[in-house]
Amino acid sequence: MQVHDLKISCRIPHPHAESPVLLLPAQSFQPALGRCRVCPKPRLLKILQAAGAQGETFTLKEVIHYLGQYIMLRELYDKQQQHMVYCGGDVLWELMELETFSVKDPSPVYDMLKRNVTASVVTGRFLIV
């Protein structure tokens, strides 16, 4: 498994739902989920933009893609065991609150996303955050 192949699902706070979270599975990223957008908080947004992201809202699939790109660009993964990510000493550490994690256990990434994105609802031309 390569770092950019990371696939996850996570619970995201949803401002317009009775339930406190919205569960977004990422195994298949059906087209409907590709239209669900999230707003990264400023520190995560800065990391995504450092990896080439543009704008302020993204699909969850895009967030994961740019997070993987950031890890690869900064070479935060172990060259021998590519599933291991070492983010101690990097801005990513501030978000992950861990010095190392394995993409084989994506729960730390879920936890980071729960803390650092909010769901957005797109209706017609208007974005409701």
Protein backbone atom coordinates (compact mmCIF):
# COMPACT_ATOMS: atom_id res chain seq x y z
CA MET A 1 0.00 0.00 0.00
CA GLN A 2 1.33 3.44 -0.89
CA VAL A 3 0.60 6.55 1.10
CA HIS A 4 -1.52 8.06 -1.68
CA ASP A 5 -3.76 4.97 -1.69
CA LEU A 6 -5.18 5.80 1.76
CA LYS A 7 -8.95 5.30 1.83
CA ILE A 8 -10.97 6.19 4.89
CA SER A 9 -14.37 7.02 6.20
CA CYS A 10 -15.03 9.46 8.98
CA ARG A 11 -17.64 11.14 11.10
CA ILE A 12 -17.93 14.84 10.45
CA PRO A 13 -19.93 17.36 12.49
CA HIS A 14 -22.92 18.42 10.39
CA PRO A 15 -24.43 21.81 11.25
CA HIS A 16 -27.88 21.12 9.72
CA ALA A 17 -28.61 17.59 10.95
CA GLU A 18 -30.48 16.32 14.00
CA SER A 19 -27.70 13.80 14.51
CA PRO A 20 -24.45 15.41 15.69
CA VAL A 21 -22.40 13.71 12.97
CA LEU A 22 -22.60 12.74 9.32
CA LEU A 23 -20.98 9.40 8.46
CA LEU A 24 -19.25 9.54 5.10
CA PRO A 25 -17.91 6.17 3.93
CA ALA A 26 -15.00 6.52 1.56
CA GLN A 27 -14.60 2.95 0.29
CA SER A 28 -16.32 3.71 -2.99
CA PHE A 29 -16.91 7.48 -2.94
CA GLN A 30 -20.10 7.24 -4.93
CA PRO A 31 -20.89 10.29 -7.08
CA ALA A 32 -23.28 11.66 -4.42
CA LEU A 33 -20.50 11.64 -1.84
CA GLY A 34 -18.24 13.36 -4.34
CA ARG A 35 -20.65 16.30 -4.22
CA CYS A 36 -20.68 16.52 -0.40
CA ARG A 37 -18.26 19.24 0.53
CA VAL A 38 -16.35 19.98 3.70
CA CYS A 39 -14.65 23.12 4.97
CA PRO A 40 -11.21 22.48 6.45
CA LYS A 41 -10.21 24.64 9.40
CA PRO A 42 -7.33 27.06 8.70
CA ARG A 43 -4.40 24.83 9.76
CA LEU A 44 -5.64 21.88 7.68
CA LEU A 45 -6.47 24.20 4.78
CA LYS A 46 -2.88 25.48 4.81
CA ILE A 47 -1.58 21.89 4.56
CA LEU A 48 -3.96 21.07 1.71
CA GLN A 49 -2.97 24.23 -0.16
CA ALA A 50 0.72 23.38 0.29
CA ALA A 51 -0.06 20.18 -1.63
CA GLY A 52 -1.77 22.05 -4.47
CA ALA A 53 -5.38 22.39 -3.32
CA GLN A 54 -7.22 25.51 -4.41
CA GLY A 55 -10.33 26.97 -2.84
CA GLU A 56 -11.80 26.62 0.62
CA THR A 57 -14.27 23.73 0.30
CA PHE A 58 -13.51 20.21 -0.88
CA THR A 59 -15.03 16.79 -1.15
CA LEU A 60 -13.77 14.38 1.48
CA LYS A 61 -12.08 12.47 -1.32
CA GLU A 62 -10.16 15.63 -2.29
CA VAL A 63 -9.12 16.27 1.33
CA ILE A 64 -7.69 12.74 1.55
CA HIS A 65 -5.97 13.12 -1.82
CA TYR A 66 -4.27 16.38 -0.87
CA LEU A 67 -3.34 15.06 2.56
CA GLY A 68 -1.63 12.12 0.85
CA GLN A 69 0.08 14.49 -1.59
CA TYR A 70 1.34 16.59 1.32
CA ILE A 71 2.76 13.50 3.05
CA MET A 72 4.51 12.46 -0.17
CA LEU A 73 5.82 15.95 -1.01
CA ARG A 74 7.23 16.42 2.49
CA GLU A 75 8.51 12.81 2.45
CA LEU A 76 6.94 12.13 5.83
CA TYR A 77 6.59 8.40 5.12
CA ASP A 78 9.13 5.65 5.77
CA LYS A 79 10.82 4.64 2.50
CA GLN A 80 11.01 0.98 3.59
CA GLN A 81 7.59 0.74 5.27
CA GLN A 82 5.52 3.20 3.26
CA HIS A 83 2.45 2.73 5.44
CA MET A 84 4.29 4.50 8.29
CA VAL A 85 4.01 8.30 8.47
CA TYR A 86 6.34 10.36 10.65
CA CYS A 87 4.92 13.80 11.24
CA GLY A 88 6.87 14.82 14.37
CA GLY A 89 8.46 18.20 13.72
CA ASP A 90 6.02 18.99 10.90
CA VAL A 91 2.88 21.14 10.91
CA LEU A 92 0.93 17.91 10.37
CA TRP A 93 1.94 16.86 13.90
CA GLU A 94 -0.09 19.76 15.30
CA LEU A 95 -3.22 18.39 13.61
CA MET A 96 -2.60 14.68 14.12
CA GLU A 97 -1.39 15.09 17.72
CA LEU A 98 0.87 12.09 17.04
CA GLU A 99 4.49 11.85 15.98
CA THR A 100 3.86 8.72 13.91
CA PHE A 101 0.91 6.75 12.57
CA SER A 102 0.25 3.96 10.12
CA VAL A 103 -2.20 4.30 7.26
CA LYS A 104 -3.10 0.66 7.97
CA ASP A 105 -4.96 2.03 11.01
CA PRO A 106 -6.64 5.19 9.73
CA SER A 107 -8.39 5.99 13.05
CA PRO A 108 -5.91 8.82 13.87
CA VAL A 109 -6.75 10.38 10.50
CA TYR A 110 -10.49 10.03 11.28
CA ASP A 111 -9.96 11.73 14.61
CA MET A 112 -7.98 14.56 13.03
CA LEU A 113 -10.66 15.11 10.38
CA LYS A 114 -13.42 15.16 13.02
CA ARG A 115 -11.57 18.01 14.72
CA ASN A 116 -10.57 19.91 11.59
CA VAL A 117 -13.40 19.90 9.04
CA THR A 118 -17.02 20.94 9.08
CA ALA A 119 -19.63 19.76 6.59
CA SER A 120 -21.09 22.13 4.03
CA VAL A 121 -24.39 21.88 2.21
CA VAL A 122 -24.61 23.02 -1.39
CA THR A 123 -28.08 24.09 -2.54
CA GLY A 124 -28.44 25.52 -6.02
CA ARG A 125 -25.89 28.30 -6.30
CA PHE A 126 -25.58 28.90 -2.58
CA LEU A 127 -23.14 27.31 -0.18
CA ILE A 128 -24.46 27.04 3.38
CA VAL A 129 -21.74 26.57 6.01
